[in-house]
Protein backbone atom coordinates (compact mmCIF):
# COMPACT_ATOMS: atom_id res chain seq x y z
CA MET A 1 -50.73 36.36 -29.30
CA PRO A 2 -49.00 32.97 -28.88
CA ASP A 3 -50.03 30.90 -26.12
CA GLU A 4 -46.67 31.11 -23.73
CA ASN A 5 -47.41 27.91 -22.01
CA PRO A 6 -48.70 25.30 -24.74
CA LYS A 7 -50.66 22.42 -24.17
CA SER A 8 -50.11 19.05 -25.61
CA PRO A 9 -52.81 18.69 -28.82
CA ASP A 10 -53.51 14.93 -27.26
CA THR A 11 -54.22 15.30 -23.96
CA GLY A 12 -54.28 18.90 -23.18
CA LYS A 13 -51.94 19.11 -20.54
CA ARG A 14 -49.10 21.48 -20.21
CA ASP A 15 -46.14 20.11 -22.31
CA PRO A 16 -42.62 19.91 -20.18
CA LEU A 17 -40.81 19.89 -23.56
CA THR A 18 -42.14 23.01 -24.46
CA GLU A 19 -42.74 24.92 -21.48
CA THR A 20 -40.70 28.34 -21.91
CA GLU A 21 -41.43 30.32 -18.47
CA GLY A 22 -40.79 29.23 -15.15
CA LEU A 23 -40.07 26.07 -13.77
CA ASP A 24 -42.82 23.50 -13.00
CA LEU A 25 -41.73 22.15 -9.58
CA VAL A 26 -44.45 19.72 -9.31
CA GLY A 27 -44.01 18.19 -12.67
CA ILE A 28 -40.40 17.99 -11.97
CA LEU A 29 -41.03 15.99 -8.88
CA SER A 30 -43.36 13.64 -10.52
CA SER A 31 -41.15 12.59 -13.38
CA VAL A 32 -38.74 11.38 -11.06
CA GLU A 33 -41.14 9.57 -8.54
CA GLU A 34 -40.66 12.58 -5.80
CA THR A 35 -42.80 14.67 -3.52
CA ALA A 36 -42.23 16.85 -0.83
CA TYR A 37 -43.58 17.79 2.69
CA VAL A 38 -43.82 20.23 5.70
CA TRP A 39 -44.22 18.75 8.84
CA ASP A 40 -45.46 20.99 11.87
CA LEU A 41 -44.53 18.54 14.83
CA ARG A 42 -46.36 21.01 17.13
CA THR A 43 -49.93 20.67 15.51
CA GLY A 44 -48.85 17.49 14.02
CA ARG A 45 -50.23 19.29 10.61
CA LEU A 46 -48.29 17.53 7.88
CA ASP A 47 -48.76 19.77 4.45
CA TRP A 48 -47.70 17.68 1.21
CA GLU A 49 -47.40 18.53 -2.49
CA SER A 50 -50.34 18.68 -4.11
CA ASN A 51 -48.65 14.91 -6.33
CA ALA A 52 -48.63 13.19 -2.97
CA ALA A 53 -51.71 11.24 -3.47
CA GLU A 54 -50.63 10.31 -7.05
CA ILE A 55 -46.86 9.15 -5.81
CA LEU A 56 -47.53 7.89 -2.58
CA ASP A 57 -50.97 5.84 -4.02
CA VAL A 58 -52.79 6.43 -1.17
CA GLY A 59 -56.09 8.04 -3.31
CA ASP A 60 -56.92 11.36 -1.01
CA LEU A 61 -54.27 13.69 0.79
CA SER A 62 -56.49 13.68 3.99
CA LYS A 63 -55.50 10.09 4.29
CA ILE A 64 -51.90 11.55 5.35
CA SER A 65 -52.47 15.15 6.54
CA THR A 66 -50.89 14.76 9.81
CA GLY A 67 -47.90 12.95 11.26
CA ALA A 68 -49.85 10.42 13.27
CA ALA A 69 -51.99 9.37 10.11
CA TYR A 70 -48.55 8.98 8.06
CA HIS A 71 -46.72 6.60 10.37
CA ALA A 72 -49.96 4.56 10.54
CA LEU A 73 -49.01 3.38 7.39
CA ILE A 74 -45.54 3.01 7.88
CA ALA A 75 -44.43 -0.79 8.44
CA PRO A 76 -44.29 -1.49 12.11
CA GLU A 77 -40.95 -2.41 11.66
CA HIS A 78 -39.71 0.87 10.00
CA LEU A 79 -41.62 2.88 12.09
CA ASN A 80 -38.93 3.77 15.16
CA VAL A 81 -36.43 4.43 12.11
CA ARG A 82 -38.45 7.86 11.44
CA LEU A 83 -39.25 8.08 14.92
CA GLU A 84 -35.89 8.26 16.43
CA VAL A 85 -34.96 10.87 13.36
CA PHE A 86 -36.90 13.76 15.08
CA ALA A 87 -35.51 12.25 18.56
CA ARG A 88 -32.39 13.86 18.58
CA SER A 89 -32.10 17.30 19.81
CA VAL A 90 -28.36 17.28 21.41
CA GLY A 91 -26.45 19.71 18.86
CA ALA A 92 -29.40 20.85 16.89
CA ASP A 93 -28.83 24.08 14.84
CA PRO A 94 -31.52 26.11 15.32
CA GLU A 95 -30.60 28.34 11.61
CA ARG A 96 -28.92 25.07 9.83
CA GLY A 97 -31.50 22.62 11.42
CA VAL A 98 -30.98 18.82 11.64
CA PRO A 99 -30.47 16.41 8.16
CA TYR A 100 -31.59 13.33 7.72
CA ARG A 101 -31.98 10.71 5.24
CA ILE A 102 -33.54 7.49 5.78
CA GLN A 103 -35.16 4.56 3.84
CA TYR A 104 -38.66 2.86 5.16
CA ARG A 105 -41.79 0.56 3.81
CA LEU A 106 -45.24 2.32 3.76
CA ARG A 107 -48.39 0.66 2.98
CA PRO A 108 -50.58 2.85 1.14
CA GLY A 109 -53.69 1.04 1.36
CA GLY A 110 -52.92 0.22 5.14
CA LEU A 111 -51.01 -2.07 7.29
CA ARG A 112 -53.55 -5.35 6.45
CA SER A 113 -53.24 -4.44 2.62
CA GLY A 114 -50.62 -6.33 0.76
CA LYS A 115 -49.78 -3.02 -1.52
CA GLU A 116 -46.36 -1.96 -0.19
CA VAL A 117 -43.45 1.30 -1.81
CA ARG A 118 -40.13 1.33 -0.76
CA LEU A 119 -39.31 5.48 0.10
CA GLU A 120 -36.56 7.43 0.70
CA ASP A 121 -37.17 10.03 2.95
CA GLN A 122 -34.81 12.88 3.06
CA GLY A 123 -34.84 16.34 4.62
CA ARG A 124 -34.34 18.82 7.78
CA TRP A 125 -35.74 19.64 11.01
CA TRP A 126 -35.20 22.51 12.90
CA PRO A 127 -35.84 23.23 16.89
CA GLY A 128 -38.07 25.29 18.70
CA ALA A 129 -36.90 27.13 21.82
CA ASP A 130 -37.07 23.87 24.06
CA GLY A 131 -34.21 22.75 21.22
CA HIS A 132 -36.68 19.41 20.47
CA PRO A 133 -37.79 19.33 16.89
CA GLN A 134 -40.64 22.04 15.89
CA ARG A 135 -40.84 21.59 11.63
CA ALA A 136 -39.59 19.63 9.25
CA ARG A 137 -39.55 20.19 5.26
CA GLY A 138 -38.47 16.84 3.40
CA VAL A 139 -38.59 15.22 -0.08
CA VAL A 140 -39.99 11.36 -0.33
CA ARG A 141 -38.84 9.28 -3.09
CA ILE A 142 -39.91 6.24 -4.21
CA VAL A 143 -36.91 3.49 -4.83
CA ASP A 144 -36.61 0.64 -6.56
CA ASP A 145 -34.34 -2.61 -6.60
CA HIS A 146 -32.48 -1.24 -8.65
CA TYR A 147 -31.72 1.92 -6.93
CA LEU A 148 -30.67 0.04 -3.74
CA GLU A 149 -28.47 -1.80 -5.82
CA GLN A 150 -26.81 1.21 -6.66
CA GLN A 151 -26.66 2.88 -3.74
CA ARG A 152 -24.87 -0.31 -2.46
CA ARG A 153 -22.17 -0.77 -5.17
CA LEU A 154 -21.58 3.47 -4.49
CA VAL A 155 -20.74 2.37 -1.15
CA ARG A 156 -18.68 -0.49 -1.78
CA ASN A 157 -16.91 1.58 -4.60
CA ASP A 158 -16.61 4.48 -2.30
CA LEU A 159 -16.35 3.85 0.91
CA ASP A 160 -13.88 1.70 3.36
CA GLU A 161 -16.08 -0.93 4.86
CA LEU A 162 -14.52 -0.30 8.22
CA THR A 163 -14.70 3.66 8.93
CA GLY A 164 -16.87 4.61 6.45
CA GLN A 165 -14.58 7.03 4.97
CA LEU A 166 -13.58 6.87 1.27
CA ASN A 167 -11.39 3.91 0.48
CA ARG A 168 -7.97 4.71 -0.84
CA MET A 169 -8.79 5.02 -4.25
CA ARG A 170 -11.37 7.43 -4.25
CA LEU A 171 -8.75 9.45 -1.73
CA THR A 172 -5.87 9.50 -4.24
CA GLU A 173 -8.79 10.52 -7.13
CA ALA A 174 -10.41 13.12 -4.87
CA LEU A 175 -6.49 14.36 -4.06
CA ALA A 176 -5.83 14.53 -8.07
CA THR A 177 -8.71 16.55 -8.74
CA VAL A 178 -7.78 18.82 -5.12
CA LEU A 179 -4.38 19.27 -7.10
CA SER A 180 -5.41 20.25 -10.58
CA ARG A 181 -7.97 22.93 -8.91
CA THR A 182 -5.31 24.09 -6.81
CA GLU A 183 -2.88 24.71 -9.61
CA ARG A 184 -5.38 26.29 -12.16
CA GLU A 185 -6.42 28.80 -8.90
CA GLN A 186 -2.95 29.15 -7.66
CA ARG A 187 -4.20 27.98 -4.16
CA SER A 188 -2.56 26.20 -1.27
CA SER A 189 -3.96 23.07 0.43
CA ALA A 190 -2.22 20.57 2.42
CA PHE A 191 -2.46 16.99 2.33
CA LEU A 192 -2.05 14.63 5.47
CA MET A 193 -1.12 11.28 6.20
CA ILE A 194 -2.57 10.43 10.09
CA SER A 195 -1.40 7.23 11.61
CA VAL A 196 -2.66 5.66 15.06
CA ASN A 197 0.65 5.32 17.07
CA ASN A 198 -0.11 2.37 19.10
CA LEU A 199 -2.05 -0.37 17.39
CA ALA A 200 0.17 -3.04 17.61
CA VAL A 201 -0.21 -3.44 21.29
CA ILE A 202 -3.68 -3.11 21.13
CA ASN A 203 -4.01 -5.63 18.37
CA GLU A 204 -1.84 -8.08 20.72
CA THR A 205 -3.45 -7.40 23.95
CA PHE A 206 -7.40 -7.19 22.42
CA GLY A 207 -6.97 -9.10 19.43
CA LEU A 208 -7.63 -7.31 15.73
CA GLU A 209 -11.48 -6.66 16.39
CA VAL A 210 -11.07 -4.38 19.15
CA GLY A 211 -8.05 -2.35 17.45
CA ASP A 212 -10.13 -2.19 14.27
CA GLU A 213 -13.28 -0.10 16.79
CA VAL A 214 -10.59 1.83 17.50
CA ILE A 215 -9.45 2.61 14.11
CA ALA A 216 -13.02 3.24 12.83
CA GLU A 217 -13.41 5.67 16.01
CA VAL A 218 -10.11 7.40 15.52
CA GLY A 219 -11.76 7.97 11.80
CA ARG A 220 -14.86 9.30 12.93
CA ARG A 221 -13.44 11.81 15.56
CA ILE A 222 -10.68 13.31 12.72
CA ARG A 223 -14.32 14.03 10.27
CA ALA A 224 -15.92 15.60 12.91
CA LYS A 225 -12.84 18.03 13.05
CA LEU A 226 -12.70 18.91 9.18
CA ARG A 227 -14.00 21.72 7.62
CA GLY A 228 -17.03 21.45 5.21
CA GLY A 229 -14.95 20.75 1.88
CA ASP A 230 -12.39 18.89 3.16
CA ILE A 231 -11.26 15.10 2.60
CA ILE A 232 -10.43 12.07 4.55
CA GLY A 233 -9.94 8.80 3.08
CA ARG A 234 -8.60 5.14 4.89
CA TYR A 235 -4.87 4.99 3.17
CA SER A 236 -3.90 1.95 4.54
CA ALA A 237 -4.73 -0.57 7.71
CA ASN A 238 -4.17 2.28 10.43
CA LYS A 239 -3.33 5.15 7.93
CA PHE A 240 -5.86 8.15 7.16
CA GLY A 241 -5.28 10.64 4.53
CA ILE A 242 -6.87 14.19 4.64
CA VAL A 243 -6.93 17.07 1.80
CA LEU A 244 -7.11 20.21 3.78
CA MET A 245 -8.69 22.49 1.16
CA ASN A 246 -7.26 26.22 1.02
CA CYS A 247 -5.15 25.50 4.08
CA GLY A 248 -1.31 27.03 3.92
CA ALA A 249 1.81 26.22 6.12
CA GLY A 250 0.41 28.15 8.94
CA ALA A 251 -3.30 26.90 9.45
CA VAL A 252 -2.00 23.41 8.49
CA HIS A 253 -0.53 23.59 12.14
CA THR A 254 -3.42 24.43 13.82
CA ALA A 255 -5.54 21.97 11.89
CA ALA A 256 -2.87 19.00 12.84
CA GLU A 257 -3.11 20.22 16.30
CA ARG A 258 -6.78 19.81 16.62
CA PHE A 259 -6.77 16.45 15.26
CA ILE A 260 -4.31 14.95 17.96
CA ASN A 261 -6.78 16.60 20.49
CA ALA A 262 -9.50 14.58 19.05
CA VAL A 263 -7.91 11.69 19.60
CA ARG A 264 -5.93 12.03 22.32
CA ASP A 265 -8.27 14.26 24.96
CA THR A 266 -11.08 10.82 25.57
CA THR A 267 -10.70 7.76 25.65
CA ILE A 268 -12.34 5.49 23.20
CA LYS A 269 -14.92 2.89 24.12
CA THR A 270 -14.50 -0.56 22.83
CA SER A 271 -16.24 -3.90 23.20
CA ALA A 272 -13.25 -5.04 25.44
CA ALA A 273 -12.38 -1.68 27.64
CA GLN A 274 -12.07 2.02 27.64
CA LEU A 275 -8.70 2.50 25.84
CA SER A 276 -6.45 5.14 24.95
CA ALA A 277 -4.94 6.77 21.66
CA THR A 278 -2.59 8.75 19.78
CA VAL A 279 -2.01 9.58 16.58
CA SER A 280 0.94 11.40 14.83
CA LEU A 281 0.93 13.16 11.42
CA GLY A 282 3.19 13.78 8.27
CA GLY A 283 1.88 16.56 5.70
CA VAL A 284 2.56 18.13 2.67
CA ILE A 285 1.87 21.69 1.38
CA ILE A 286 0.05 21.31 -2.08
CA PRO A 287 1.26 22.15 -4.69
CA ASP A 288 3.53 24.49 -3.75
CA GLN A 289 5.83 21.19 -2.62
CA ALA A 290 4.14 18.37 -4.46
CA ASN A 291 2.42 18.80 -8.00
CA SER A 292 1.13 15.12 -8.27
CA VAL A 293 -0.62 12.57 -6.35
CA HIS A 294 2.86 10.73 -6.40
CA ASP A 295 5.03 13.42 -4.63
CA ALA A 296 1.98 14.61 -2.12
CA VAL A 297 1.86 10.40 -0.97
CA ASN A 298 5.26 9.76 -0.64
CA PHE A 299 6.40 13.12 1.09
CA ALA A 300 3.91 12.99 3.75
CA LEU A 301 4.27 9.34 4.43
CA ARG A 302 7.96 10.13 4.91
CA THR A 303 6.97 12.98 7.02
CA LEU A 304 4.92 10.79 8.79
CA ASP A 305 7.53 8.21 9.31
CA ILE A 306 9.80 11.08 10.85
CA ALA A 307 7.02 11.72 13.32
CA LYS A 308 6.50 8.90 14.68
CA SER A 309 10.21 8.24 15.44
CA LYS A 310 9.80 11.18 17.90
CA ARG A 311 8.39 9.65 21.57
CA PHE A 312 5.31 11.84 21.38
CA ASP A 313 2.11 12.30 19.46
CA CYS A 314 3.10 15.22 16.71
CA PHE A 315 2.75 16.76 13.44
CA VAL A 316 5.98 17.12 10.82
CA LEU A 317 5.41 18.94 7.43
CA TYR A 318 7.49 18.26 4.58
CA GLU A 319 10.74 20.07 4.19
CA PRO A 320 12.08 19.98 0.95
CA SER A 321 16.01 18.75 0.97
CA PRO A 322 17.94 18.94 -2.21
CA SER A 323 20.46 15.80 -1.48
CA GLY A 324 17.50 13.59 -0.23
CA ASP A 325 15.75 14.07 -3.34
CA GLY A 326 18.56 14.14 -5.64
CA ALA A 327 19.29 10.31 -4.00
CA ARG A 328 15.32 9.41 -4.77
CA LEU A 329 15.91 10.86 -8.05
CA ARG A 330 18.66 8.86 -8.31
CA ASN A 331 16.91 5.70 -6.73
CA LYS A 332 14.08 6.07 -9.00
CA THR A 333 16.14 6.19 -12.02
CA ILE A 334 18.31 3.02 -11.39
CA ALA A 335 14.94 1.50 -10.79
CA GLU A 336 13.41 1.84 -14.30
CA SER A 337 17.06 1.27 -15.98
CA VAL A 338 16.72 -2.25 -14.51
CA VAL A 339 13.46 -2.76 -15.55
CA ASN A 340 13.95 -1.64 -18.70
CA ALA A 341 16.77 -3.63 -19.04
CA LEU A 342 15.57 -6.78 -17.87
CA ASP A 343 12.51 -6.26 -20.32
CA GLU A 344 14.80 -5.79 -23.36
CA ASN A 345 17.32 -8.86 -21.92
CA ARG A 346 19.79 -5.94 -21.76
CA MET A 347 22.02 -8.33 -18.72
CA ARG A 348 24.72 -10.09 -19.17
CA LEU A 349 27.32 -12.48 -17.24
CA VAL A 350 30.95 -12.03 -16.68
CA LEU A 351 33.18 -14.59 -15.28
CA GLN A 352 35.59 -14.26 -12.89
CA PRO A 353 37.93 -17.78 -12.21
CA MET A 354 38.78 -19.29 -8.87
CA VAL A 355 42.11 -20.44 -9.18
CA SER A 356 42.62 -23.80 -7.54
CA THR A 357 45.68 -23.94 -5.24
CA LYS A 358 46.51 -27.51 -6.09
CA THR A 359 46.80 -27.10 -10.00
CA GLY A 360 46.86 -23.18 -10.67
CA LYS A 361 44.20 -23.29 -12.73
CA PRO A 362 40.95 -21.87 -13.12
CA GLU A 363 38.66 -24.47 -11.67
CA VAL A 364 35.36 -22.66 -10.96
CA TYR A 365 34.18 -19.12 -12.29
CA GLU A 366 32.02 -17.14 -11.01
CA ALA A 367 29.06 -15.30 -12.36
CA LEU A 368 28.64 -11.87 -12.11
CA LEU A 369 25.81 -10.16 -13.49
CA ARG A 370 25.82 -6.74 -15.54
CA MET A 371 23.59 -4.23 -16.80
CA VAL A 372 23.71 -3.06 -20.00
CA ARG A 373 23.28 0.67 -20.93
CA PRO A 374 20.87 1.75 -24.64
CA ASP A 375 24.92 3.03 -25.47
CA GLY A 376 26.60 -0.49 -24.87
CA SER A 377 28.56 0.46 -21.51
CA LEU A 378 28.21 -2.07 -18.98
CA VAL A 379 26.97 -1.01 -15.50
CA ALA A 380 28.14 -3.22 -12.53
CA ALA A 381 26.16 -5.13 -10.24
CA GLY A 382 27.37 -2.95 -7.19
CA GLU A 383 25.96 0.35 -8.75
CA PHE A 384 22.33 -1.22 -9.03
CA VAL A 385 21.98 -4.07 -7.54
CA PRO A 386 21.81 -2.96 -4.08
CA ILE A 387 18.83 -0.45 -5.21
CA ALA A 388 16.99 -3.59 -6.86
CA GLU A 389 16.88 -4.92 -3.47
CA GLN A 390 15.41 -2.53 -1.86
CA LEU A 391 12.81 -2.02 -4.00
CA GLY A 392 12.03 -5.58 -4.06
CA LEU A 393 13.43 -6.44 -7.88
CA SER A 394 16.12 -8.58 -6.48
CA ARG A 395 13.53 -11.62 -7.17
CA LEU A 396 13.77 -10.57 -10.80
CA ILE A 397 17.50 -9.97 -10.98
CA ASP A 398 17.81 -13.59 -9.35
CA ARG A 399 15.68 -15.06 -11.81
CA ARG A 400 16.92 -13.78 -15.33
CA THR A 401 20.81 -14.20 -13.48
CA LEU A 402 19.26 -17.60 -13.09
CA GLU A 403 18.75 -18.13 -16.94
CA LEU A 404 21.48 -16.91 -18.17
CA THR A 405 23.93 -19.17 -16.16
CA VAL A 406 21.99 -22.11 -17.11
CA ASP A 407 22.17 -21.29 -20.51
CA LEU A 408 25.75 -20.82 -20.50
CA LEU A 409 26.39 -23.64 -18.58
CA LYS A 410 24.27 -25.55 -21.34
CA GLN A 411 27.04 -24.52 -23.81
CA HIS A 412 29.61 -25.48 -21.89
CA ARG A 413 29.62 -28.88 -20.60
CA GLU A 414 32.80 -28.48 -18.81
CA LEU A 415 31.95 -25.24 -16.92
CA ILE A 416 31.70 -25.17 -13.24
CA LEU A 417 29.94 -21.81 -12.20
CA SER A 418 29.32 -19.96 -8.94
CA VAL A 419 26.24 -17.74 -8.95
CA ASN A 420 25.04 -15.67 -5.99
CA VAL A 421 21.57 -15.54 -5.02
CA SER A 422 20.07 -12.25 -2.51
CA GLY A 423 18.52 -12.75 0.70
CA LEU A 424 14.81 -12.74 -0.85
CA THR A 425 15.36 -15.59 -2.66
CA CYS A 426 15.86 -18.03 -0.26
CA SER A 427 12.08 -17.50 0.52
CA ASP A 428 11.37 -17.65 -3.59
CA LYS A 429 9.54 -20.60 -4.36
CA GLU A 430 9.25 -19.39 -7.74
CA TRP A 431 13.02 -19.38 -8.30
CA LEU A 432 13.43 -23.16 -6.85
CA THR A 433 10.33 -23.93 -9.91
CA THR A 434 12.28 -21.76 -12.19
CA LEU A 435 15.49 -23.66 -11.56
CA ARG A 436 13.84 -27.44 -11.77
CA ARG A 437 11.96 -26.06 -15.33
CA VAL A 438 15.25 -24.59 -16.90
CA THR A 439 17.49 -27.77 -16.06
CA ALA A 440 14.85 -30.48 -16.74
CA GLY A 441 16.67 -33.29 -18.27
CA HIS A 442 20.07 -31.93 -17.77
CA PRO A 443 21.30 -32.99 -14.20
CA ASP A 444 24.60 -32.28 -15.33
CA VAL A 445 24.15 -28.64 -15.28
CA LEU A 446 23.07 -29.10 -11.70
CA ARG A 447 26.23 -30.95 -10.75
CA ARG A 448 27.79 -28.60 -12.29
CA MET A 449 26.07 -24.69 -10.80
CA ILE A 450 27.17 -23.76 -6.75
CA VAL A 451 24.61 -21.26 -5.66
CA GLU A 452 26.22 -18.50 -3.34
CA ILE A 453 24.40 -17.15 -0.33
CA THR A 454 25.80 -14.46 1.84
CA GLU A 455 26.32 -15.20 5.45
CA THR A 456 24.20 -11.99 6.88
CA VAL A 457 21.05 -13.83 5.23
CA ALA A 458 22.00 -17.09 6.42
CA LEU A 459 21.96 -16.43 9.72
CA HIS A 460 19.00 -13.81 9.98
CA GLU A 461 16.41 -16.71 8.77
CA LEU A 462 18.30 -19.95 9.98
CA ASP A 463 15.59 -22.45 9.25
CA GLN A 464 14.46 -21.58 6.02
CA SER A 465 18.04 -20.95 4.99
CA VAL A 466 18.33 -24.54 6.12
CA ASN A 467 15.70 -25.66 4.05
CA PHE A 468 16.85 -23.70 0.94
CA VAL A 469 20.14 -25.08 1.22
CA ASN A 470 19.01 -28.70 1.77
CA THR A 471 16.64 -28.56 -1.45
CA LEU A 472 19.42 -27.26 -3.52
CA LYS A 473 21.46 -30.28 -2.57
CA GLU A 474 18.71 -32.65 -3.45
CA LEU A 475 18.57 -31.47 -6.42
CA GLY A 476 22.27 -31.57 -7.13
CA CYS A 477 23.98 -28.16 -6.63
CA ARG A 478 26.39 -27.47 -4.67
CA VAL A 479 26.12 -24.23 -2.19
CA ALA A 480 28.88 -21.58 -0.82
CA ILE A 481 28.79 -19.45 2.33
CA ASP A 482 29.83 -15.86 0.41
CA ASP A 483 31.58 -12.98 2.54
CA PHE A 484 31.94 -15.42 5.62
CA GLY A 485 33.67 -13.55 8.63
CA ALA A 486 31.42 -10.29 7.39
CA GLY A 487 28.63 -11.14 9.69
CA TYR A 488 28.23 -13.52 12.94
CA THR A 489 27.38 -16.90 12.12
CA SER A 490 28.98 -19.02 14.45
CA PHE A 491 30.70 -22.61 13.00
CA LYS A 492 27.62 -24.57 14.99
CA ASN A 493 25.34 -22.66 12.01
CA LEU A 494 27.81 -22.96 9.71
CA LYS A 495 28.18 -26.69 10.35
CA LEU A 496 24.32 -26.92 10.78
CA LEU A 497 23.95 -24.99 7.13
CA ASN A 498 25.82 -28.12 5.57
CA VAL A 499 27.23 -25.72 2.69
CA ASP A 500 29.76 -27.35 0.61
CA MET A 501 32.23 -24.43 0.50
CA VAL A 502 33.37 -21.29 2.66
CA LYS A 503 33.97 -17.99 0.71
CA ILE A 504 35.98 -16.01 3.16
CA ASP A 505 35.38 -12.38 3.13
CA GLY A 506 37.78 -10.07 1.30
CA ALA A 507 38.32 -7.49 3.85
CA PHE A 508 40.30 -10.41 5.68
CA VAL A 509 42.01 -11.11 3.15
CA LYS A 510 43.75 -7.41 1.22
CA ASN A 511 46.01 -7.51 3.90
CA VAL A 512 46.66 -10.97 5.15
CA ALA A 513 50.47 -11.08 3.95
CA ASN A 514 51.13 -8.00 6.13
CA ASP A 515 48.43 -8.41 8.88
CA THR A 516 49.09 -10.79 11.80
CA SER A 517 45.27 -10.59 13.20
CA ASP A 518 43.84 -11.36 9.58
CA GLN A 519 46.46 -14.11 9.36
CA ILE A 520 45.24 -15.63 12.33
CA PHE A 521 41.35 -14.84 11.48
CA VAL A 522 42.02 -16.61 7.57
CA LYS A 523 43.84 -19.74 9.55
CA THR A 524 41.38 -20.33 11.74
CA MET A 525 38.77 -20.37 9.46
CA ILE A 526 40.71 -22.77 6.69
CA GLU A 527 41.16 -25.26 9.66
CA LEU A 528 38.22 -25.20 11.06
CA ALA A 529 36.15 -25.48 7.37
CA LYS A 530 38.36 -28.67 6.60
CA THR A 531 37.51 -30.00 9.84
CA PHE A 532 34.01 -29.86 8.38
CA GLY A 533 34.67 -31.30 4.83
CA MET A 534 34.24 -27.68 3.34
CA GLU A 535 36.23 -26.46 0.39
CA THR A 536 37.35 -22.35 0.99
CA VAL A 537 37.81 -19.60 -1.41
CA ALA A 538 39.94 -16.79 -0.61
CA GLU A 539 38.39 -13.28 -2.48
CA TRP A 540 39.93 -10.20 -2.90
CA VAL A 541 43.90 -11.78 -3.93
CA GLY A 542 45.73 -8.97 -5.08
CA ASP A 543 49.47 -9.72 -5.27
CA GLU A 544 51.79 -12.45 -5.12
CA ARG A 545 52.68 -12.06 -1.18
CA SER A 546 48.84 -13.04 -0.59
CA ALA A 547 48.99 -15.89 -2.97
CA LYS A 548 51.58 -17.57 -1.30
CA TYR A 549 50.61 -16.93 2.34
CA LEU A 550 46.81 -18.69 1.59
CA THR A 551 48.22 -21.53 -0.42
CA ASP A 552 50.81 -21.74 2.30
CA ALA A 553 47.97 -22.27 4.80
CA GLY A 554 45.61 -24.48 3.05
CA ILE A 555 43.53 -22.46 0.95
CA THR A 556 41.49 -24.59 -1.69
CA TYR A 557 40.53 -21.97 -4.29
CA MET A 558 41.78 -17.92 -5.01
CA GLN A 559 39.84 -15.05 -6.52
CA GLY A 560 40.47 -11.37 -7.31
CA TYR A 561 42.20 -9.18 -9.67
CA TYR A 562 45.70 -10.78 -8.99
CA TYR A 563 44.10 -13.65 -11.21
CA GLY A 564 42.76 -11.11 -13.72
CA MET A 565 39.73 -8.81 -14.44
CA PRO A 566 36.45 -10.11 -14.86
CA PHE A 567 35.54 -11.01 -18.87
CA ASP A 568 32.44 -11.31 -20.90
CA SER A 569 30.87 -14.75 -20.83
CA SER A 570 30.99 -14.98 -24.76
CA ASP A 571 34.97 -14.90 -24.70
CA TYR A 572 34.74 -18.05 -22.10
CA VAL A 573 36.27 -20.25 -25.00
CA LYS A 574 39.43 -17.75 -25.58
CA ALA A 575 39.90 -18.02 -22.23
CA ALA A 576 39.43 -21.59 -21.52
């Protein structure tokens, strides 16, 4: 009968590679430099696995056969770390025990010896009738510098430094895994976004460090109210994301109320004072209401905004809205179309003339952007620019418009072009850098360019607008205020901006031939602009009577469909 536990022919020891029956637990522990113990804290007796003497290099197990003897070998600066583990009796679970995991240095040859090993000690202790530790079981393993660096790297990569919860990357990865699992198992879970409501006031009153203390404590309180398997991570500055496993629409309200109460019911002790905090929550059921990480996060954030808009801390669960979802889908489609058009050079300029009232001829042209669809059809700027501005794409659009404008000015040395820029461009140093770059060696191009900024933007960031205008004028450009009259800019601010041209909003022009109040308004603006030495442009001129009134009132230029529809810039030579 063959040997069922063959031995190595060289050493006579059991060969783990050919072991066929049972588990050699001692051998497994030894192979990973670990050993195990059972500690009776009432008697002090400490029983070790048979490999402990070899792993810990103590020579004889009798040297560590009691808790006191083992503690005598722990480095003095680390001894309290281990003792404190068994001093915490509050909340001890007599069934499951109290888990612990610590690291310390052990000197196997005694405290005066030069030999030292670094250990990680992990286990559980169980309380007696008095609630104090009675028995402990654990595993001790040797750890080296490589292992410690791996642990530090793991913490840095997985956890948020302030709160100790999962960081944003790991949170979204966990959410993706849960989404996949819930779809496969046909179970519902929930994703919640939680925000600390009054953090801005705390930061302003007590400073950012105290605000950080509040964030960290809120995270700890919420984590303490999670069930086993639930996940929490820090999504952004004052927001936490929570994945609630196997949680439907009914249960999620109960869970949300539990989190709200955990933060609201007791004050938070900080280095400055005892503070109160509240939280608001938004949530979505997955995968029922969202089957992707992007949708789950967006829907949770959207409902969180609704919850925060209320006057009290509360929870709002996502409710699908066909009209809202349709609008978001349209916006997403527009954004993708804009990005693709920019990448594929499918942006084009059309020109609309500004006719001089003195000569009756076009002397300036406004450059208007059009997006070319893959099928060749054109999309007016009004259909995509507002959405692009909301999504932060306006800077890219303005830079492309600038490049097209300068190219056209270089081709036609007699052409004068007016070009619009968005509010974001007034603070975009890269746009000015691009302007200098594409006009280098062509000062005549700068002199033939008029940059239009809207009145509302100019008023909103007046100091910034003044600097932007001054820089453009130093370069040689002229500057116009567009849609003047639509906002609330005073003529004092208009003078402060020191622009060259005022474009009167078309709302005051389209009925100027018949509306007395519009006539008074337009006439006043023309006269005051002349006082400041500024040229004027009337937009939306649509008929002969309006053109005559504006000419008699002293307007400098007129622009509108009465003088023709915008035409493709490639046809400029024919038009000229």
